[in-house]
Amino acid sequence: MSKFAKWECPHCRQHIEYPTEGAGTEIGCPGCGVSITLPPTLSDAEFEAELKKIKDEHEQRLADLAKKEEILNSNPNLNLCKTCSGIVAASAEFCVHCGQKWPALHITCGHCGSVDIELVTVEDTSSLFVTPSIAGAIASALFEAVRAKPKLYAVCQTCGRSLEING
């Protein structure tokens, strides 16, 4: 009697049950019809080894976080980066580990409430070609003075609305 494995189609999330001998076979998803390859299954020993590895990694992360918490509690001039969990000086502008602007911006869309926000900088990259004369130099200086400065927008990835941050 063959064993059965369960899997979820990555396209439509349809649950698929298949015999373990079918692992690696390409089929059409019964839900959406997209061609998918059934993933390999693990033996009981392989599953236990994988589970132990995941548990060990989790325990190591908890131990690392406990060490970081101890360091943070003993030094009030340090903070934990919200992006990579690295230790960052409280006065830093950027995380030295991942480059995240410190402190991280937490923006919520006022229209739909989503926190899936992308920051976009828009610059005026137009230029003025002038003749090499005193009048050309003055025109170039005036153009540069009135040219729009870079603007930062927060664009909601859910509803598409944008909000100018520095205006």
N, C-alpha and C. Protein backbone atom coordinates (compact mmCIF):
# COMPACT_ATOMS: atom_id res chain seq x y z
N MET A 1 0.85 -1.18 0.00
CA MET A 1 0.00 0.00 0.00
C MET A 1 0.89 1.25 0.00
N SER A 2 0.64 2.15 -0.90
CA SER A 2 1.49 3.34 -1.00
C SER A 2 1.03 4.43 -0.04
N LYS A 3 2.02 5.24 0.35
CA LYS A 3 1.73 6.38 1.22
C LYS A 3 1.31 7.55 0.36
N PHE A 4 0.56 8.46 0.97
CA PHE A 4 0.12 9.65 0.26
C PHE A 4 0.71 10.89 0.91
N ALA A 5 0.98 11.88 0.10
CA ALA A 5 1.48 13.16 0.57
C ALA A 5 0.45 14.23 0.21
N LYS A 6 0.45 15.29 1.00
CA LYS A 6 -0.44 16.42 0.72
C LYS A 6 0.43 17.62 0.39
N TRP A 7 -0.08 18.44 -0.54
CA TRP A 7 0.65 19.62 -0.98
C TRP A 7 -0.35 20.66 -1.43
N GLU A 8 0.08 21.90 -1.54
CA GLU A 8 -0.78 23.00 -1.94
C GLU A 8 -0.23 23.61 -3.22
N CYS A 9 -1.08 23.80 -4.21
CA CYS A 9 -0.66 24.42 -5.47
C CYS A 9 -0.18 25.85 -5.18
N PRO A 10 1.01 26.21 -5.64
CA PRO A 10 1.52 27.56 -5.37
C PRO A 10 0.76 28.66 -6.12
N HIS A 11 -0.06 28.29 -7.10
CA HIS A 11 -0.78 29.29 -7.89
C HIS A 11 -2.18 29.57 -7.33
N CYS A 12 -2.94 28.50 -7.04
CA CYS A 12 -4.33 28.71 -6.62
C CYS A 12 -4.61 28.23 -5.20
N ARG A 13 -3.62 27.66 -4.53
CA ARG A 13 -3.74 27.17 -3.15
C ARG A 13 -4.67 25.96 -3.02
N GLN A 14 -4.96 25.29 -4.13
CA GLN A 14 -5.76 24.06 -4.11
C GLN A 14 -4.95 22.97 -3.41
N HIS A 15 -5.57 22.24 -2.46
CA HIS A 15 -4.90 21.14 -1.79
C HIS A 15 -4.88 19.92 -2.71
N ILE A 16 -3.72 19.32 -2.83
CA ILE A 16 -3.53 18.17 -3.72
C ILE A 16 -2.99 17.02 -2.88
N GLU A 17 -3.59 15.86 -3.01
CA GLU A 17 -3.10 14.66 -2.35
C GLU A 17 -2.62 13.72 -3.45
N TYR A 18 -1.41 13.16 -3.28
CA TYR A 18 -0.84 12.31 -4.32
C TYR A 18 0.01 11.21 -3.68
N PRO A 19 0.16 10.07 -4.36
CA PRO A 19 1.01 9.00 -3.82
C PRO A 19 2.47 9.46 -3.83
N THR A 20 3.22 9.06 -2.81
CA THR A 20 4.61 9.49 -2.68
C THR A 20 5.45 9.06 -3.88
N GLU A 21 5.05 7.99 -4.56
CA GLU A 21 5.80 7.56 -5.74
C GLU A 21 5.68 8.59 -6.87
N GLY A 22 4.70 9.48 -6.82
CA GLY A 22 4.49 10.48 -7.85
C GLY A 22 5.34 11.74 -7.67
N ALA A 23 6.16 11.78 -6.63
CA ALA A 23 7.00 12.95 -6.39
C ALA A 23 7.91 13.20 -7.59
N GLY A 24 8.02 14.44 -8.01
CA GLY A 24 8.85 14.82 -9.15
C GLY A 24 8.10 14.78 -10.47
N THR A 25 6.86 14.30 -10.46
CA THR A 25 6.06 14.20 -11.67
C THR A 25 5.41 15.55 -11.97
N GLU A 26 5.36 15.89 -13.23
CA GLU A 26 4.69 17.14 -13.63
C GLU A 26 3.24 16.81 -13.95
N ILE A 27 2.33 17.58 -13.32
CA ILE A 27 0.89 17.37 -13.53
C ILE A 27 0.21 18.70 -13.79
N GLY A 28 -1.00 18.66 -14.22
CA GLY A 28 -1.84 19.85 -14.32
C GLY A 28 -2.63 19.97 -13.03
N CYS A 29 -2.57 21.11 -12.37
CA CYS A 29 -3.30 21.30 -11.12
C CYS A 29 -4.79 21.08 -11.36
N PRO A 30 -5.46 20.29 -10.50
CA PRO A 30 -6.89 20.07 -10.69
C PRO A 30 -7.71 21.33 -10.44
N GLY A 31 -7.14 22.31 -9.72
CA GLY A 31 -7.87 23.53 -9.42
C GLY A 31 -7.78 24.58 -10.50
N CYS A 32 -6.53 24.84 -10.96
CA CYS A 32 -6.34 25.94 -11.93
C CYS A 32 -5.79 25.47 -13.27
N GLY A 33 -5.34 24.23 -13.35
CA GLY A 33 -4.84 23.70 -14.61
C GLY A 33 -3.41 24.05 -14.94
N VAL A 34 -2.74 24.84 -14.09
CA VAL A 34 -1.36 25.23 -14.33
C VAL A 34 -0.46 24.00 -14.16
N SER A 35 0.55 23.87 -14.99
CA SER A 35 1.48 22.76 -14.91
C SER A 35 2.39 22.93 -13.69
N ILE A 36 2.40 21.94 -12.81
CA ILE A 36 3.22 21.99 -11.59
C ILE A 36 3.96 20.67 -11.44
N THR A 37 5.09 20.72 -10.73
CA THR A 37 5.86 19.52 -10.43
C THR A 37 5.63 19.19 -8.96
N LEU A 38 5.20 17.95 -8.71
CA LEU A 38 4.93 17.53 -7.34
C LEU A 38 6.25 17.46 -6.58
N PRO A 39 6.30 18.02 -5.37
CA PRO A 39 7.56 18.07 -4.62
C PRO A 39 7.94 16.70 -4.07
N PRO A 40 9.23 16.48 -3.85
CA PRO A 40 9.65 15.22 -3.26
C PRO A 40 9.18 15.13 -1.81
N THR A 41 8.97 13.92 -1.36
CA THR A 41 8.54 13.70 0.03
C THR A 41 9.73 13.20 0.83
N LEU A 42 9.66 13.39 2.13
CA LEU A 42 10.74 12.96 3.02
C LEU A 42 10.36 11.65 3.70
N SER A 43 11.37 10.81 3.91
CA SER A 43 11.13 9.61 4.71
C SER A 43 10.98 10.07 6.16
N ASP A 44 10.54 9.17 7.03
CA ASP A 44 10.36 9.53 8.44
C ASP A 44 11.68 9.99 9.06
N ALA A 45 12.79 9.33 8.73
CA ALA A 45 14.09 9.71 9.28
C ALA A 45 14.51 11.08 8.76
N GLU A 46 14.31 11.33 7.46
CA GLU A 46 14.65 12.64 6.89
C GLU A 46 13.79 13.74 7.50
N PHE A 47 12.50 13.43 7.73
CA PHE A 47 11.60 14.40 8.34
C PHE A 47 12.06 14.74 9.75
N GLU A 48 12.41 13.73 10.54
CA GLU A 48 12.87 13.96 11.92
C GLU A 48 14.16 14.78 11.92
N ALA A 49 15.08 14.49 10.99
CA ALA A 49 16.34 15.24 10.90
C ALA A 49 16.07 16.70 10.54
N GLU A 50 15.16 16.93 9.58
CA GLU A 50 14.80 18.30 9.18
C GLU A 50 14.14 19.05 10.33
N LEU A 51 13.26 18.38 11.04
CA LEU A 51 12.58 18.98 12.19
C LEU A 51 13.58 19.35 13.29
N LYS A 52 14.54 18.47 13.55
CA LYS A 52 15.57 18.74 14.56
C LYS A 52 16.40 19.96 14.15
N LYS A 53 16.76 20.02 12.85
CA LYS A 53 17.54 21.15 12.34
C LYS A 53 16.78 22.47 12.54
N ILE A 54 15.48 22.47 12.24
CA ILE A 54 14.67 23.68 12.40
C ILE A 54 14.58 24.07 13.87
N LYS A 55 14.39 23.09 14.75
CA LYS A 55 14.32 23.37 16.19
C LYS A 55 15.64 23.93 16.70
N ASP A 56 16.76 23.36 16.25
CA ASP A 56 18.08 23.85 16.67
C ASP A 56 18.31 25.29 16.21
N GLU A 57 17.92 25.60 14.97
CA GLU A 57 18.05 26.97 14.45
C GLU A 57 17.19 27.93 15.26
N HIS A 58 15.98 27.50 15.61
CA HIS A 58 15.07 28.34 16.41
C HIS A 58 15.67 28.61 17.79
N GLU A 59 16.20 27.57 18.43
CA GLU A 59 16.81 27.75 19.75
C GLU A 59 18.02 28.67 19.67
N GLN A 60 18.80 28.57 18.58
CA GLN A 60 19.96 29.45 18.41
C GLN A 60 19.52 30.90 18.24
N ARG A 61 18.45 31.13 17.46
CA ARG A 61 17.92 32.50 17.30
C ARG A 61 17.45 33.07 18.63
N LEU A 62 16.76 32.23 19.43
CA LEU A 62 16.30 32.69 20.75
C LEU A 62 17.48 33.03 21.65
N ALA A 63 18.54 32.22 21.61
CA ALA A 63 19.72 32.50 22.41
C ALA A 63 20.38 33.80 21.95
N ASP A 64 20.46 34.01 20.63
CA ASP A 64 21.04 35.25 20.09
C ASP A 64 20.23 36.47 20.52
N LEU A 65 18.89 36.35 20.46
CA LEU A 65 18.03 37.46 20.87
C LEU A 65 18.18 37.74 22.36
N ALA A 66 18.34 36.70 23.18
CA ALA A 66 18.53 36.89 24.62
C ALA A 66 19.84 37.64 24.88
N LYS A 67 20.90 37.29 24.12
CA LYS A 67 22.18 38.00 24.27
C LYS A 67 22.02 39.47 23.87
N LYS A 68 21.33 39.71 22.76
CA LYS A 68 21.12 41.08 22.30
C LYS A 68 20.30 41.87 23.30
N GLU A 69 19.28 41.23 23.88
CA GLU A 69 18.45 41.91 24.88
C GLU A 69 19.27 42.28 26.10
N GLU A 70 20.17 41.39 26.49
CA GLU A 70 21.05 41.67 27.64
C GLU A 70 21.96 42.87 27.33
N ILE A 71 22.50 42.91 26.11
CA ILE A 71 23.36 44.03 25.70
C ILE A 71 22.56 45.33 25.67
N LEU A 72 21.34 45.28 25.11
CA LEU A 72 20.51 46.48 25.03
C LEU A 72 20.10 46.98 26.41
N ASN A 73 19.79 46.07 27.32
CA ASN A 73 19.39 46.47 28.68
C ASN A 73 20.55 47.10 29.44
N SER A 74 21.78 46.68 29.13
CA SER A 74 22.93 47.22 29.85
C SER A 74 23.45 48.52 29.22
N ASN A 75 23.01 48.85 27.99
CA ASN A 75 23.48 50.06 27.34
C ASN A 75 22.31 50.79 26.68
N PRO A 76 21.83 51.88 27.31
CA PRO A 76 20.68 52.60 26.75
C PRO A 76 20.98 53.38 25.46
N ASN A 77 22.25 53.43 25.05
CA ASN A 77 22.61 54.14 23.82
C ASN A 77 22.50 53.25 22.58
N LEU A 78 21.97 52.04 22.76
CA LEU A 78 21.83 51.11 21.65
C LEU A 78 20.37 50.77 21.43
N ASN A 79 20.03 50.46 20.18
CA ASN A 79 18.68 50.03 19.81
C ASN A 79 18.78 48.79 18.94
N LEU A 80 17.65 48.13 18.76
CA LEU A 80 17.57 46.96 17.89
C LEU A 80 16.94 47.39 16.57
N CYS A 81 17.60 47.09 15.44
CA CYS A 81 17.07 47.44 14.13
C CYS A 81 15.80 46.64 13.90
N LYS A 82 14.73 47.30 13.47
CA LYS A 82 13.45 46.65 13.25
C LYS A 82 13.46 45.77 11.99
N THR A 83 14.44 45.97 11.11
CA THR A 83 14.50 45.21 9.87
C THR A 83 15.31 43.93 10.01
N CYS A 84 16.53 44.04 10.54
CA CYS A 84 17.42 42.87 10.58
C CYS A 84 17.74 42.38 11.99
N SER A 85 17.23 43.06 13.01
CA SER A 85 17.48 42.73 14.42
C SER A 85 18.94 42.91 14.82
N GLY A 86 19.67 43.72 14.09
CA GLY A 86 21.04 44.03 14.46
C GLY A 86 21.07 45.13 15.51
N ILE A 87 22.14 45.19 16.29
CA ILE A 87 22.28 46.23 17.31
C ILE A 87 22.81 47.49 16.65
N VAL A 88 22.12 48.62 16.89
CA VAL A 88 22.42 49.89 16.24
C VAL A 88 22.52 50.98 17.30
N ALA A 89 23.46 51.89 17.12
CA ALA A 89 23.56 53.03 18.02
C ALA A 89 22.29 53.86 17.92
N ALA A 90 21.80 54.34 19.06
CA ALA A 90 20.56 55.12 19.08
C ALA A 90 20.68 56.39 18.24
N SER A 91 21.89 56.91 18.10
CA SER A 91 22.09 58.15 17.34
C SER A 91 22.34 57.90 15.86
N ALA A 92 22.41 56.64 15.43
CA ALA A 92 22.72 56.32 14.03
C ALA A 92 21.58 56.71 13.11
N GLU A 93 21.93 57.11 11.89
CA GLU A 93 20.92 57.41 10.88
C GLU A 93 20.58 56.19 10.05
N PHE A 94 21.54 55.25 9.92
CA PHE A 94 21.34 54.03 9.14
C PHE A 94 21.84 52.84 9.94
N CYS A 95 21.20 51.70 9.73
CA CYS A 95 21.65 50.45 10.35
C CYS A 95 22.94 50.03 9.65
N VAL A 96 23.98 49.74 10.42
CA VAL A 96 25.26 49.34 9.83
C VAL A 96 25.21 47.92 9.27
N HIS A 97 24.19 47.16 9.64
CA HIS A 97 24.08 45.77 9.19
C HIS A 97 23.32 45.64 7.87
N CYS A 98 22.19 46.36 7.75
CA CYS A 98 21.35 46.18 6.57
C CYS A 98 21.12 47.46 5.77
N GLY A 99 21.53 48.62 6.28
CA GLY A 99 21.37 49.87 5.56
C GLY A 99 20.02 50.54 5.73
N GLN A 100 19.14 49.95 6.55
CA GLN A 100 17.81 50.54 6.81
C GLN A 100 17.98 51.91 7.45
N LYS A 101 17.22 52.89 6.96
CA LYS A 101 17.24 54.22 7.56
C LYS A 101 16.77 54.08 8.99
N TRP A 102 17.53 54.64 9.91
CA TRP A 102 17.23 54.51 11.33
C TRP A 102 16.74 55.83 11.87
N PRO A 103 15.70 55.94 12.59
CA PRO A 103 14.79 54.84 12.87
C PRO A 103 13.94 54.53 11.65
N ALA A 104 13.49 53.33 11.55
CA ALA A 104 12.69 52.90 10.40
C ALA A 104 11.37 53.67 10.37
N LEU A 105 10.91 53.98 9.17
CA LEU A 105 9.64 54.66 9.01
C LEU A 105 8.50 53.66 9.12
N HIS A 106 7.49 53.99 9.87
CA HIS A 106 6.29 53.16 9.96
C HIS A 106 5.14 53.99 9.41
N ILE A 107 4.73 53.68 8.19
CA ILE A 107 3.71 54.46 7.51
C ILE A 107 2.50 53.58 7.24
N THR A 108 1.33 54.09 7.54
CA THR A 108 0.09 53.38 7.26
C THR A 108 -0.70 54.22 6.26
N CYS A 109 -1.25 53.57 5.23
CA CYS A 109 -2.05 54.27 4.23
C CYS A 109 -3.31 54.80 4.91
N GLY A 110 -3.56 56.08 4.75
CA GLY A 110 -4.74 56.69 5.34
C GLY A 110 -6.02 56.32 4.62
N HIS A 111 -5.90 55.78 3.41
CA HIS A 111 -7.09 55.42 2.64
C HIS A 111 -7.55 54.00 2.94
N CYS A 112 -6.63 53.02 2.86
CA CYS A 112 -7.04 51.62 3.02
C CYS A 112 -6.48 50.97 4.28
N GLY A 113 -5.56 51.64 5.00
CA GLY A 113 -5.01 51.09 6.24
C GLY A 113 -3.86 50.12 6.03
N SER A 114 -3.41 49.91 4.80
CA SER A 114 -2.33 48.97 4.51
C SER A 114 -1.00 49.53 5.02
N VAL A 115 -0.09 48.64 5.39
CA VAL A 115 1.26 49.05 5.77
C VAL A 115 2.27 48.66 4.69
N ASP A 116 1.78 48.20 3.53
CA ASP A 116 2.64 47.84 2.41
C ASP A 116 2.92 49.10 1.60
N ILE A 117 3.90 49.87 2.07
CA ILE A 117 4.20 51.19 1.51
C ILE A 117 5.59 51.16 0.88
N GLU A 118 5.71 51.75 -0.30
CA GLU A 118 7.02 51.88 -0.95
C GLU A 118 7.37 53.36 -1.00
N LEU A 119 8.61 53.68 -0.65
CA LEU A 119 9.06 55.06 -0.72
C LEU A 119 9.69 55.30 -2.08
N VAL A 120 9.26 56.37 -2.75
CA VAL A 120 9.72 56.70 -4.10
C VAL A 120 10.23 58.13 -4.10
N THR A 121 11.44 58.34 -4.64
CA THR A 121 11.99 59.67 -4.77
C THR A 121 11.86 60.10 -6.23
N VAL A 122 11.31 61.29 -6.44
CA VAL A 122 11.15 61.83 -7.79
C VAL A 122 12.02 63.07 -7.89
N GLU A 123 12.92 63.06 -8.88
CA GLU A 123 13.82 64.19 -9.08
C GLU A 123 13.55 64.85 -10.42
N ASP A 124 13.77 66.17 -10.47
CA ASP A 124 13.69 66.91 -11.73
C ASP A 124 15.05 66.75 -12.40
N THR A 125 15.11 65.93 -13.43
CA THR A 125 16.38 65.68 -14.11
C THR A 125 16.50 66.46 -15.41
N SER A 126 15.63 67.44 -15.59
CA SER A 126 15.71 68.25 -16.81
C SER A 126 16.97 69.11 -16.77
N SER A 127 17.41 69.51 -17.92
CA SER A 127 18.62 70.34 -17.98
C SER A 127 18.41 71.48 -18.98
N LEU A 128 19.30 72.44 -18.90
CA LEU A 128 19.22 73.61 -19.77
C LEU A 128 20.55 73.72 -20.52
N PHE A 129 20.47 73.73 -21.83
CA PHE A 129 21.68 73.89 -22.62
C PHE A 129 21.77 75.35 -23.02
N VAL A 130 22.88 75.98 -22.68
CA VAL A 130 23.04 77.41 -22.95
C VAL A 130 24.36 77.65 -23.67
N THR A 131 24.45 78.82 -24.25
CA THR A 131 25.69 79.20 -24.93
C THR A 131 26.71 79.63 -23.88
N PRO A 132 27.98 79.44 -24.14
CA PRO A 132 29.01 79.81 -23.16
C PRO A 132 29.25 81.33 -23.13
N SER A 133 28.30 82.03 -22.58
CA SER A 133 28.42 83.48 -22.46
C SER A 133 27.96 83.86 -21.06
N ILE A 134 28.11 85.11 -20.72
CA ILE A 134 27.67 85.57 -19.40
C ILE A 134 26.16 85.45 -19.25
N ALA A 135 25.43 85.72 -20.33
CA ALA A 135 23.97 85.59 -20.30
C ALA A 135 23.59 84.11 -20.13
N GLY A 136 24.35 83.21 -20.77
CA GLY A 136 24.10 81.78 -20.64
C GLY A 136 24.37 81.30 -19.23
N ALA A 137 25.44 81.80 -18.61
CA ALA A 137 25.77 81.42 -17.24
C ALA A 137 24.70 81.89 -16.27
N ILE A 138 24.19 83.11 -16.47
CA ILE A 138 23.12 83.64 -15.61
C ILE A 138 21.84 82.82 -15.80
N ALA A 139 21.50 82.52 -17.06
CA ALA A 139 20.30 81.73 -17.34
C ALA A 139 20.41 80.35 -16.70
N SER A 140 21.59 79.75 -16.76
CA SER A 140 21.80 78.44 -16.16
C SER A 140 21.66 78.50 -14.64
N ALA A 141 22.21 79.54 -14.02
CA ALA A 141 22.10 79.69 -12.57
C ALA A 141 20.65 79.90 -12.14
N LEU A 142 19.91 80.72 -12.89
CA LEU A 142 18.50 80.94 -12.57
C LEU A 142 17.69 79.65 -12.73
N PHE A 143 17.98 78.90 -13.80
CA PHE A 143 17.27 77.65 -14.03
C PHE A 143 17.51 76.68 -12.88
N GLU A 144 18.75 76.58 -12.42
CA GLU A 144 19.10 75.68 -11.33
C GLU A 144 18.41 76.10 -10.04
N ALA A 145 18.26 77.40 -9.82
CA ALA A 145 17.63 77.91 -8.60
C ALA A 145 16.14 77.61 -8.55
N VAL A 146 15.48 77.61 -9.70
CA VAL A 146 14.03 77.40 -9.70
C VAL A 146 13.63 75.96 -10.02
N ARG A 147 14.60 75.13 -10.38
CA ARG A 147 14.30 73.74 -10.70
C ARG A 147 13.76 73.03 -9.46
N ALA A 148 12.81 72.15 -9.66
CA ALA A 148 12.19 71.43 -8.55
C ALA A 148 13.22 70.55 -7.83
N LYS A 149 13.18 70.58 -6.51
CA LYS A 149 14.06 69.75 -5.70
C LYS A 149 13.46 68.35 -5.60
N PRO A 150 14.28 67.34 -5.27
CA PRO A 150 13.76 65.97 -5.16
C PRO A 150 12.62 65.90 -4.14
N LYS A 151 11.61 65.09 -4.46
CA LYS A 151 10.46 64.92 -3.57
C LYS A 151 10.34 63.45 -3.21
N LEU A 152 9.96 63.19 -1.97
CA LEU A 152 9.81 61.83 -1.48
C LEU A 152 8.33 61.53 -1.33
N TYR A 153 7.89 60.45 -1.93
CA TYR A 153 6.49 60.04 -1.88
C TYR A 153 6.39 58.66 -1.22
N ALA A 154 5.33 58.46 -0.44
CA ALA A 154 4.98 57.14 0.08
C ALA A 154 3.84 56.64 -0.80
N VAL A 155 4.08 55.51 -1.49
CA VAL A 155 3.09 54.97 -2.41
C VAL A 155 2.55 53.66 -1.83
N CYS A 156 1.23 53.61 -1.61
CA CYS A 156 0.59 52.40 -1.07
C CYS A 156 0.57 51.34 -2.17
N GLN A 157 1.09 50.16 -1.86
CA GLN A 157 1.14 49.07 -2.84
C GLN A 157 -0.20 48.35 -2.94
N THR A 158 -1.12 48.64 -2.03
CA THR A 158 -2.43 47.99 -2.05
C THR A 158 -3.43 48.78 -2.89
N CYS A 159 -3.57 50.08 -2.58
CA CYS A 159 -4.58 50.87 -3.29
C CYS A 159 -3.98 51.85 -4.31
N GLY A 160 -2.66 52.04 -4.30
CA GLY A 160 -2.01 52.89 -5.30
C GLY A 160 -1.97 54.38 -4.97
N ARG A 161 -2.54 54.77 -3.85
CA ARG A 161 -2.51 56.19 -3.47
C ARG A 161 -1.11 56.61 -3.08
N SER A 162 -0.80 57.90 -3.29
CA SER A 162 0.53 58.39 -2.90
C SER A 162 0.38 59.62 -2.02
N LEU A 163 1.39 59.83 -1.16
CA LEU A 163 1.40 60.95 -0.24
C LEU A 163 2.79 61.54 -0.27
N GLU A 164 2.89 62.85 -0.52
CA GLU A 164 4.20 63.51 -0.53
C GLU A 164 4.66 63.67 0.90
N ILE A 165 5.87 63.20 1.20
CA ILE A 165 6.37 63.24 2.57
C ILE A 165 7.09 64.55 2.85
N ASN A 166 7.95 65.01 1.93
CA ASN A 166 8.61 66.31 2.13
C ASN A 166 8.14 67.24 1.03
N GLY A 167 7.42 68.23 1.39
CA GLY A 167 6.88 69.07 0.33
C GLY A 167 7.10 70.45 0.59
